[in-house]
Amino acid sequence: MAEAAPKALSVAAALAIAKGQLEAITVRIVGEVSELSNKPGYAAVYFTLKDAQEKASLPCLMWMNRFKASGIQLKVGAVVEVTGRFSLYAAKGRMNFDVSSIVLAGEGDIRMRIANLAKKLEAEGLMRPEMKRPIPVLPARIGLVTSPRGAAVYDVLRTLRRRYPLAEVVVAGVPVEGADAPAHLIAGLDAVAAAGAEVILLVRGGGSFEDLMPFNDEALARHIAALPVCVVTGIGHEPDTSIADMVADVRASTPTAAAEAVAPALADLRQALCGIARRMGFAEASLISQHQRALSDMRTRPLFADPLALIRDDAQGLDDLSSRLALAIARSVARAAERVAHMRMRLAKVGPRVLAEPTSRLVRMRVGMEGAGRTLVRPYKERVAVDAAKLESLSPLAVLTRGYAAAFTEEGHVISSVEGVSVGDEVDVRVADGIMGCQVMRIAREEYSFIEGSFA
């Protein structure tokens, strides 16, 4: 008996079976984005992946919450690696690839990491314009960090020799490619900086994206920004821009342009020096002209035309004072002569009478004056003697002559009690004929009274 043919399926049932089978498989796919639809308000991002040979394409969708969580800036031409499952949209009978995760693949991923590093360093302020150091105007020593075998080193040296042969060039030949290149570049920068370079050229010739990767190293970028010396980069060609270019003080398009940036041309220097010489000549001529005018003005002044003009008034005043002094001396001498003559006349009249007085009268007058003087002095002399005796009895010096002494502090205060001093204090002890400087060695307190004439 023949078996019955299987029952035909409806379109919905067939699609459901296919959908169940497809969604049970999770795969990873690498492809290039050829179409992209990321419109505001959509619940998902729609894009198409294609092979490099463009032999196949696959429509994909990724729900918006997953896409935003991935942090990927998706664009046409990016090479991505997606993970997900195939899905069927039954209403249209269309197959999609439901993406659960997405990452940039190959160079795209590297470029994204470089872009994120650039944003990070920029946020830290390593690329701010105020952080950039100026190139020295006339550097005496120029540092060069590059490969010793590449064409860049010859281009730079040739340019420096042609434009600015006055500078000394310090070269650090280091590898510029490979995993260890960033460490060698850092060592080269430190070496030329330690050698006294006033400006450093960090250069290399053109190459692929992978060849320039050492110049996108984070450690190298931070080292460039931290160097105390101006760093000028000339890496690759005009379109190439690395992290090192971004943090350097000056970025040149090529190694030759970097050398031209730090080396002024001799012709320009010569022209600048000629201009300075002309300006200095004009300034000196102007200064000399000003001094000549000032000398001419001084020459016309009365002081220089007539040397006596400076002392004329003082000389006249001195002559006037001299005349007045001579007149005053003459008048004073005349008055003195008149007084002498008048006194001579009076003495001539009185002298004979004084000489005619009897000598006995003068003797009596002297004896009388002496007696009167003794009489007047006697009461006062007796009173002074009594007062002197009283003072002698009251004088503390008289007490000291009997063997007593008085003690004083260094400030001159009388010490009347042992409470006023301490052991080790310096005191002055006064006796009858002088003062002794003493130090308190011990203190003994005594209780005493005058009751019945004895000490207690």
Protein backbone atom coordinates (compact mmCIF):
# COMPACT_ATOMS: atom_id res chain seq x y z
CA MET A 1 0.00 0.00 0.00
CA ALA A 2 1.52 3.25 -1.06
CA GLU A 3 2.31 5.79 1.64
CA ALA A 4 0.30 8.96 1.63
CA ALA A 5 2.12 12.04 0.42
CA PRO A 6 3.01 14.53 3.18
CA LYS A 7 0.51 17.24 3.65
CA ALA A 8 1.42 20.48 2.00
CA LEU A 9 2.30 23.33 4.37
CA SER A 10 0.99 26.78 4.30
CA VAL A 11 3.36 29.65 3.61
CA ALA A 12 3.16 30.80 7.23
CA ALA A 13 3.86 27.28 8.51
CA ALA A 14 6.83 26.84 6.19
CA LEU A 15 8.26 30.20 7.21
CA ALA A 16 7.74 29.35 10.88
CA ILE A 17 9.70 26.11 10.45
CA ALA A 18 12.52 27.99 8.66
CA LYS A 19 12.47 30.75 11.27
CA GLY A 20 12.78 28.23 14.10
CA GLN A 21 15.67 26.47 12.43
CA LEU A 22 17.54 29.68 11.58
CA GLU A 23 17.13 31.30 14.97
CA ALA A 24 18.61 28.25 16.66
CA ILE A 25 22.01 29.00 15.12
CA THR A 26 24.32 31.78 16.42
CA VAL A 27 27.15 32.82 14.10
CA ARG A 28 29.86 35.48 13.80
CA ILE A 29 30.21 37.31 10.52
CA VAL A 30 32.81 39.78 9.21
CA GLY A 31 31.86 42.18 6.46
CA GLU A 32 31.92 45.76 5.19
CA VAL A 33 28.98 48.08 5.77
CA SER A 34 27.56 49.04 2.38
CA GLU A 35 24.21 50.55 3.40
CA LEU A 36 23.14 52.18 6.66
CA SER A 37 19.80 53.45 7.98
CA ASN A 38 19.91 54.97 11.44
CA LYS A 39 16.98 57.34 11.63
CA PRO A 40 15.66 59.02 14.76
CA GLY A 41 12.61 57.25 16.15
CA TYR A 42 13.48 53.85 14.67
CA ALA A 43 13.49 50.93 17.07
CA ALA A 44 16.47 49.37 15.29
CA VAL A 45 19.46 50.26 13.12
CA TYR A 46 19.37 48.69 9.64
CA PHE A 47 22.49 48.08 7.59
CA THR A 48 23.84 45.74 4.93
CA LEU A 49 27.06 43.75 5.12
CA LYS A 50 28.93 42.70 2.00
CA ASP A 51 32.04 40.67 1.25
CA ALA A 52 35.20 42.32 0.06
CA GLN A 53 34.66 40.78 -3.38
CA GLU A 54 31.02 42.00 -3.31
CA LYS A 55 29.78 38.51 -4.19
CA ALA A 56 27.24 38.41 -1.37
CA SER A 57 25.35 40.81 0.87
CA LEU A 58 23.34 40.36 4.02
CA PRO A 59 20.68 42.68 5.44
CA CYS A 60 21.14 43.19 9.19
CA LEU A 61 19.30 44.87 11.99
CA MET A 62 20.35 45.70 15.53
CA TRP A 63 17.93 46.87 18.16
CA MET A 64 18.64 50.43 19.25
CA ASN A 65 19.34 49.65 22.90
CA ARG A 66 22.03 47.11 21.91
CA PHE A 67 23.51 49.46 19.30
CA LYS A 68 23.85 52.37 21.75
CA ALA A 69 25.39 50.10 24.37
CA SER A 70 28.08 48.99 21.88
CA GLY A 71 29.49 52.53 21.57
CA ILE A 72 30.28 51.96 17.87
CA GLN A 73 30.13 54.91 15.46
CA LEU A 74 28.91 52.96 12.46
CA LYS A 75 29.45 54.33 8.97
CA VAL A 76 29.50 53.06 5.38
CA GLY A 77 32.81 51.43 4.55
CA ALA A 78 33.57 50.29 8.10
CA VAL A 79 34.65 46.69 8.49
CA VAL A 80 32.77 45.13 11.40
CA GLU A 81 32.43 41.79 13.11
CA VAL A 82 28.87 40.98 14.17
CA THR A 83 27.44 38.19 16.27
CA GLY A 84 23.78 37.13 16.04
CA ARG A 85 21.16 34.86 14.49
CA PHE A 86 19.30 34.69 11.21
CA SER A 87 15.66 35.68 11.42
CA LEU A 88 12.71 35.67 9.06
CA TYR A 89 10.18 38.45 8.80
CA ALA A 90 7.12 36.31 7.97
CA ALA A 91 4.97 39.20 6.76
CA LYS A 92 7.37 39.92 3.92
CA GLY A 93 9.10 36.57 3.67
CA ARG A 94 12.40 38.43 4.11
CA MET A 95 15.44 37.13 5.93
CA ASN A 96 17.48 39.41 8.22
CA PHE A 97 20.46 38.91 10.48
CA ASP A 98 19.55 39.93 14.04
CA VAL A 99 22.77 41.37 15.48
CA SER A 100 23.32 40.98 19.23
CA SER A 101 26.86 42.47 19.36
CA ILE A 102 29.11 44.43 17.02
CA VAL A 103 32.75 45.50 17.05
CA LEU A 104 34.98 47.16 14.53
CA ALA A 105 37.24 44.66 12.82
CA GLY A 106 40.86 45.07 11.69
CA GLU A 107 41.96 48.61 10.88
CA GLY A 108 38.56 49.99 11.70
CA ASP A 109 38.85 48.82 15.30
CA ILE A 110 42.35 50.29 15.56
CA ARG A 111 41.21 53.63 14.20
CA MET A 112 38.37 53.67 16.70
CA ARG A 113 40.77 53.00 19.58
CA ILE A 114 43.06 55.76 18.33
CA ALA A 115 40.13 58.15 18.11
CA ASN A 116 39.06 57.27 21.65
CA LEU A 117 42.63 57.81 22.91
CA ALA A 118 42.74 61.19 21.20
CA LYS A 119 39.49 62.19 22.93
CA LYS A 120 40.84 61.01 26.26
CA LEU A 121 44.09 62.98 25.96
CA GLU A 122 42.22 66.04 24.73
CA ALA A 123 39.88 65.85 27.72
CA GLU A 124 42.94 65.79 30.01
CA GLY A 125 44.21 69.02 28.42
CA LEU A 126 47.30 67.62 26.68
CA MET A 127 46.29 69.26 23.40
CA ARG A 128 45.29 72.69 24.68
CA PRO A 129 46.89 75.58 22.76
CA GLU A 130 48.16 77.19 25.95
CA MET A 131 50.16 74.03 26.65
CA LYS A 132 52.14 74.41 23.42
CA ARG A 133 55.71 75.71 23.74
CA PRO A 134 57.05 78.18 21.14
CA ILE A 135 59.92 77.26 18.83
CA PRO A 136 63.18 79.04 19.84
CA VAL A 137 64.02 81.82 17.40
CA LEU A 138 67.69 80.92 16.90
CA PRO A 139 68.34 77.52 18.50
CA ALA A 140 72.01 76.74 19.04
CA ARG A 141 71.40 72.98 19.34
CA ILE A 142 68.69 70.99 17.56
CA GLY A 143 67.73 67.43 18.53
CA LEU A 144 66.66 64.90 15.87
CA VAL A 145 64.91 61.63 16.75
CA THR A 146 64.28 59.31 13.80
CA SER A 147 65.44 56.14 12.08
CA PRO A 148 69.15 56.28 11.16
CA ARG A 149 68.50 54.39 7.91
CA GLY A 150 65.43 56.11 6.51
CA ALA A 151 65.32 58.92 3.99
CA ALA A 152 63.89 61.29 6.60
CA VAL A 153 67.18 61.72 8.46
CA TYR A 154 69.00 62.77 5.27
CA ASP A 155 66.19 65.14 4.25
CA VAL A 156 66.26 66.84 7.63
CA LEU A 157 70.06 67.13 7.85
CA ARG A 158 70.26 68.45 4.28
CA THR A 159 67.60 71.07 5.00
CA LEU A 160 69.26 72.18 8.25
CA ARG A 161 72.67 72.42 6.57
CA ARG A 162 71.23 74.49 3.73
CA ARG A 163 69.05 76.83 5.78
CA TYR A 164 70.76 77.12 9.15
CA PRO A 165 74.29 75.70 9.35
CA LEU A 166 74.98 77.63 12.57
CA ALA A 167 73.09 75.10 14.72
CA GLU A 168 74.59 71.93 16.16
CA VAL A 169 72.45 68.85 15.46
CA VAL A 170 72.20 66.03 18.01
CA VAL A 171 70.82 62.83 16.41
CA ALA A 172 69.24 59.87 18.22
CA GLY A 173 68.84 57.01 15.74
CA VAL A 174 66.03 54.72 16.94
CA PRO A 175 63.61 52.19 15.41
CA VAL A 176 60.39 53.82 14.23
CA GLU A 177 58.43 50.63 13.50
CA GLY A 178 57.50 47.59 15.51
CA ALA A 179 56.09 46.88 18.95
CA ASP A 180 59.18 48.21 20.76
CA ALA A 181 59.40 51.42 18.73
CA PRO A 182 57.50 53.65 21.26
CA ALA A 183 59.97 52.77 24.03
CA HIS A 184 62.93 53.54 21.74
CA LEU A 185 61.36 56.82 20.66
CA ILE A 186 60.91 57.85 24.31
CA ALA A 187 64.54 56.99 25.07
CA GLY A 188 65.69 58.99 22.04
CA LEU A 189 63.70 62.05 23.14
CA ASP A 190 65.24 61.87 26.62
CA ALA A 191 68.74 61.45 25.17
CA VAL A 192 68.65 64.56 22.95
CA ALA A 193 66.94 66.59 25.70
CA ALA A 194 69.71 65.60 28.14
CA ALA A 195 72.29 66.60 25.51
CA GLY A 196 71.01 70.19 25.68
CA ALA A 197 68.76 70.36 22.62
CA GLU A 198 66.66 73.53 22.61
CA VAL A 199 64.13 72.07 20.17
CA ILE A 200 63.53 68.44 19.14
CA LEU A 201 62.46 67.10 15.72
CA LEU A 202 60.51 63.82 15.89
CA VAL A 203 60.20 62.64 12.27
CA ARG A 204 59.81 59.65 9.99
CA GLY A 205 59.00 59.16 6.32
CA GLY A 206 55.72 57.99 4.85
CA GLY A 207 54.28 54.52 5.32
CA SER A 208 51.12 52.52 5.76
CA PHE A 209 48.69 52.98 8.61
CA GLU A 210 50.29 50.09 10.46
CA ASP A 211 53.79 51.56 9.93
CA LEU A 212 52.75 54.77 11.70
CA MET A 213 51.15 53.00 14.67
CA PRO A 214 54.10 53.55 17.10
CA PHE A 215 53.37 57.29 16.92
CA ASN A 216 49.84 56.61 18.24
CA ASP A 217 51.17 55.11 21.49
CA GLU A 218 49.71 56.62 24.66
CA ALA A 219 52.97 56.49 26.64
CA LEU A 220 54.83 58.28 23.83
CA ALA A 221 52.12 60.94 23.62
CA ARG A 222 52.23 61.63 27.36
CA HIS A 223 56.04 61.79 27.29
CA ILE A 224 56.01 64.34 24.47
CA ALA A 225 53.54 66.52 26.36
CA ALA A 226 55.64 66.32 29.54
CA LEU A 227 59.01 67.17 27.95
CA PRO A 228 60.39 70.58 28.95
CA VAL A 229 61.70 71.08 25.40
CA CYS A 230 59.68 72.15 22.36
CA VAL A 231 58.86 69.13 20.15
CA VAL A 232 58.15 69.50 16.41
CA THR A 233 56.76 66.46 14.58
CA GLY A 234 57.00 65.62 10.89
CA ILE A 235 55.48 62.13 10.59
CA GLY A 236 54.51 60.62 7.25
CA HIS A 237 52.87 62.76 4.59
CA GLU A 238 50.37 65.61 4.62
CA PRO A 239 47.19 63.51 5.22
CA ASP A 240 48.77 61.46 8.02
CA THR A 241 47.95 62.65 11.53
CA SER A 242 49.00 60.72 14.61
CA ILE A 243 48.49 61.16 18.35
CA ALA A 244 52.10 62.37 18.56
CA ASP A 245 51.24 65.17 16.09
CA MET A 246 48.28 66.20 18.25
CA VAL A 247 50.22 66.54 21.51
CA ALA A 248 53.40 67.99 19.95
CA ASP A 249 54.06 71.72 20.23
CA VAL A 250 54.18 72.11 16.43
CA ARG A 251 52.99 69.67 13.76
CA ALA A 252 54.60 69.81 10.32
CA SER A 253 53.30 67.93 7.28
CA THR A 254 56.62 66.21 6.41
CA PRO A 255 60.12 65.79 7.90
CA THR A 256 61.46 68.46 5.55
CA ALA A 257 58.73 70.88 6.64
CA ALA A 258 59.59 70.17 10.28
CA ALA A 259 63.23 71.06 9.62
CA GLU A 260 62.19 74.27 7.87
CA ALA A 261 59.97 75.17 10.84
CA VAL A 262 62.88 75.20 13.32
CA ALA A 263 65.63 76.50 11.01
CA PRO A 264 65.35 80.08 9.78
CA ALA A 265 66.75 80.56 6.28
CA LEU A 266 70.09 82.37 6.07
CA ALA A 267 68.63 84.76 3.55
CA ASP A 268 65.84 85.64 5.96
CA LEU A 269 68.35 86.08 8.78
CA ARG A 270 70.53 88.27 6.60
CA GLN A 271 67.56 90.40 5.63
CA ALA A 272 66.42 90.66 9.25
CA LEU A 273 69.90 91.63 10.41
CA CYS A 274 70.17 94.25 7.67
CA GLY A 275 66.83 95.66 8.76
CA ILE A 276 67.99 95.76 12.38
CA ALA A 277 71.24 97.44 11.32
CA ARG A 278 69.31 100.09 9.39
CA ARG A 279 67.03 100.76 12.33
CA MET A 280 70.00 100.97 14.68
CA GLY A 281 71.73 103.38 12.30
CA PHE A 282 68.66 105.60 12.14
CA ALA A 283 68.33 105.46 15.92
CA GLU A 284 72.00 106.36 16.47
CA ALA A 285 71.82 109.20 13.94
CA SER A 286 68.71 110.53 15.61
CA LEU A 287 70.33 110.29 19.04
CA ILE A 288 73.48 112.08 17.84
CA SER A 289 71.36 114.80 16.26
CA GLN A 290 69.49 115.28 19.53
CA HIS A 291 72.74 115.60 21.47
CA GLN A 292 74.10 118.06 18.93
CA ARG A 293 71.00 120.24 19.29
CA ALA A 294 71.30 120.05 23.07
CA LEU A 295 74.97 121.13 22.89
CA SER A 296 74.05 124.03 20.60
CA ASP A 297 71.38 125.15 23.05
CA MET A 298 73.86 124.97 25.93
CA ARG A 299 76.46 126.93 23.96
CA THR A 300 74.06 129.86 23.60
CA ARG A 301 73.31 130.10 27.30
CA PRO A 302 74.82 133.13 29.15
CA LEU A 303 76.71 130.84 31.50
CA PHE A 304 78.86 129.46 28.70
CA ALA A 305 79.09 132.78 26.79
CA ASP A 306 80.35 134.68 29.89
CA PRO A 307 82.09 132.52 32.56
CA LEU A 308 81.61 135.27 35.19
CA ALA A 309 77.84 135.18 34.80
CA LEU A 310 77.62 132.33 37.29
CA ILE A 311 79.44 134.22 40.12
CA ARG A 312 78.68 137.83 39.19
CA ASP A 313 75.88 138.33 41.74
CA ASP A 314 77.78 136.55 44.51
CA ALA A 315 80.93 138.57 43.79
CA GLN A 316 78.97 141.82 43.99
CA GLY A 317 77.38 140.74 47.27
CA LEU A 318 80.80 139.80 48.64
CA ASP A 319 82.19 143.23 47.69
CA ASP A 320 79.24 144.96 49.37
CA LEU A 321 79.68 142.92 52.55
CA SER A 322 83.41 143.66 52.55
CA SER A 323 82.75 147.39 52.31
CA ARG A 324 80.18 147.27 55.09
CA LEU A 325 82.51 145.22 57.32
CA ALA A 326 85.39 147.70 56.85
CA LEU A 327 83.11 150.63 57.70
CA ALA A 328 81.74 148.87 60.81
CA ILE A 329 85.26 148.04 62.05
CA ALA A 330 86.34 151.63 61.63
CA ARG A 331 83.32 152.94 63.54
CA SER A 332 83.77 150.41 66.36
CA VAL A 333 87.46 151.33 66.74
CA ALA A 334 86.57 155.04 66.86
CA ARG A 335 83.95 154.50 69.57
CA ALA A 336 86.39 152.41 71.62
CA ALA A 337 89.05 155.09 71.31
CA GLU A 338 86.56 157.71 72.58
CA ARG A 339 85.66 155.56 75.62
CA VAL A 340 89.34 155.02 76.46
CA ALA A 341 90.02 158.74 76.25
CA HIS A 342 87.02 159.50 78.52
CA MET A 343 88.13 156.94 81.09
CA ARG A 344 91.65 158.31 80.99
CA MET A 345 90.28 161.76 81.82
CA ARG A 346 88.20 160.47 84.77
CA LEU A 347 91.09 158.45 86.15
CA ALA A 348 93.31 161.47 85.97
CA LYS A 349 90.82 163.36 88.18
CA VAL A 350 90.09 160.60 90.75
CA GLY A 351 93.58 159.05 91.07
CA PRO A 352 95.28 161.80 93.14
CA ARG A 353 92.46 161.81 95.70
CA VAL A 354 92.53 158.07 96.20
CA LEU A 355 96.28 158.12 96.67
CA ALA A 356 95.99 160.99 99.20
CA GLU A 357 93.77 159.00 101.70
CA PRO A 358 95.67 158.04 104.90
CA THR A 359 96.88 154.50 105.13
CA SER A 360 95.61 154.13 108.76
CA ARG A 361 92.05 154.67 107.65
CA LEU A 362 92.31 151.78 105.26
CA VAL A 363 93.71 149.59 108.02
CA ARG A 364 90.84 150.46 110.39
CA MET A 365 88.32 149.75 107.71
CA ARG A 366 89.85 146.32 107.06
CA VAL A 367 89.89 145.38 110.79
CA GLY A 368 86.33 146.47 111.21
CA MET A 369 85.16 144.52 108.23
CA GLU A 370 86.92 141.37 109.47
CA GLY A 371 85.31 141.64 112.95
CA ALA A 372 81.88 142.23 111.49
CA GLY A 373 82.33 139.19 109.26
CA ARG A 374 83.24 136.90 112.17
CA THR A 375 80.29 138.13 114.14
CA LEU A 376 77.90 137.47 111.28
CA VAL A 377 79.26 133.93 110.57
CA ARG A 378 79.49 132.65 114.16
CA PRO A 379 75.75 131.71 114.68
CA TYR A 380 75.57 129.95 111.37
CA LYS A 381 78.78 128.03 112.02
CA GLU A 382 77.45 126.74 115.36
CA ARG A 383 74.15 125.71 113.76
CA VAL A 384 75.98 123.82 111.00
CA ALA A 385 78.05 121.93 113.61
CA VAL A 386 74.89 120.86 115.49
CA ASP A 387 73.15 119.75 112.29
CA ALA A 388 76.25 117.83 111.19
CA ALA A 389 76.29 115.96 114.50
CA LYS A 390 72.62 115.05 114.08
CA LEU A 391 73.20 113.85 110.52
CA GLU A 392 76.17 111.79 111.63
CA SER A 393 74.05 110.05 114.26
CA LEU A 394 71.30 109.33 111.72
CA SER A 395 73.56 108.30 108.81
CA PRO A 396 73.35 104.58 107.84
CA LEU A 397 77.08 104.80 107.04
CA ALA A 398 77.74 105.38 110.70
CA VAL A 399 75.91 102.15 111.43
CA LEU A 400 78.03 100.36 108.84
CA THR A 401 81.22 101.49 110.61
CA ARG A 402 80.13 99.44 113.60
CA GLY A 403 80.31 96.20 111.58
CA TYR A 404 76.83 96.16 110.06
CA ALA A 405 76.11 95.73 106.31
CA ALA A 406 73.21 96.49 103.92
CA ALA A 407 72.14 94.18 101.07
CA PHE A 408 70.69 95.37 97.76
CA THR A 409 69.22 93.56 94.74
CA GLU A 410 70.79 93.96 91.29
CA GLU A 411 68.13 96.62 90.61
CA GLY A 412 69.25 98.60 93.69
CA HIS A 413 66.32 97.75 96.00
CA VAL A 414 67.07 97.19 99.70
CA ILE A 415 66.69 93.56 100.78
CA SER A 416 64.82 93.66 104.09
CA SER A 417 63.69 90.03 104.20
CA VAL A 418 64.86 86.61 103.03
CA GLU A 419 61.56 86.41 101.16
CA GLY A 420 62.95 88.84 98.59
CA VAL A 421 65.78 86.57 97.38
CA SER A 422 66.37 83.01 96.24
CA VAL A 423 69.38 80.74 96.24
CA GLY A 424 71.64 81.68 93.34
CA ASP A 425 70.57 85.35 93.16
CA GLU A 426 73.24 88.00 92.71
CA VAL A 427 73.18 90.70 95.45
CA ASP A 428 75.31 93.75 96.36
CA VAL A 429 76.45 93.98 100.02
CA ARG A 430 77.49 97.45 101.17
CA VAL A 431 79.92 97.85 104.11
CA ALA A 432 81.54 100.94 105.50
CA ASP A 433 84.23 101.37 102.88
CA GLY A 434 82.73 99.77 99.74
CA ILE A 435 80.37 97.33 98.00
CA MET A 436 80.80 93.57 97.55
CA GLY A 437 79.09 91.53 94.80
CA CYS A 438 77.79 88.28 96.36
CA GLN A 439 75.69 85.24 95.39
CA VAL A 440 73.08 83.75 97.72
CA MET A 441 74.28 80.23 98.61
CA ARG A 442 71.71 79.38 101.31
CA ILE A 443 68.76 80.94 103.11
CA ALA A 444 67.98 80.41 106.82
CA ARG A 445 64.79 81.93 108.18
CA GLU A 446 64.79 83.03 111.89
CA GLU A 447 61.87 83.97 114.11
CA TYR A 448 62.71 86.81 116.47
CA SER A 449 61.13 89.47 118.71
CA PHE A 450 62.32 92.25 120.93
CA ILE A 451 60.36 91.04 123.95
CA GLU A 452 62.58 91.35 127.01
CA GLY A 453 65.48 92.22 124.74
CA SER A 454 66.02 88.73 123.31
CA PHE A 455 65.42 86.84 120.07
CA ALA A 456 62.76 84.15 119.94
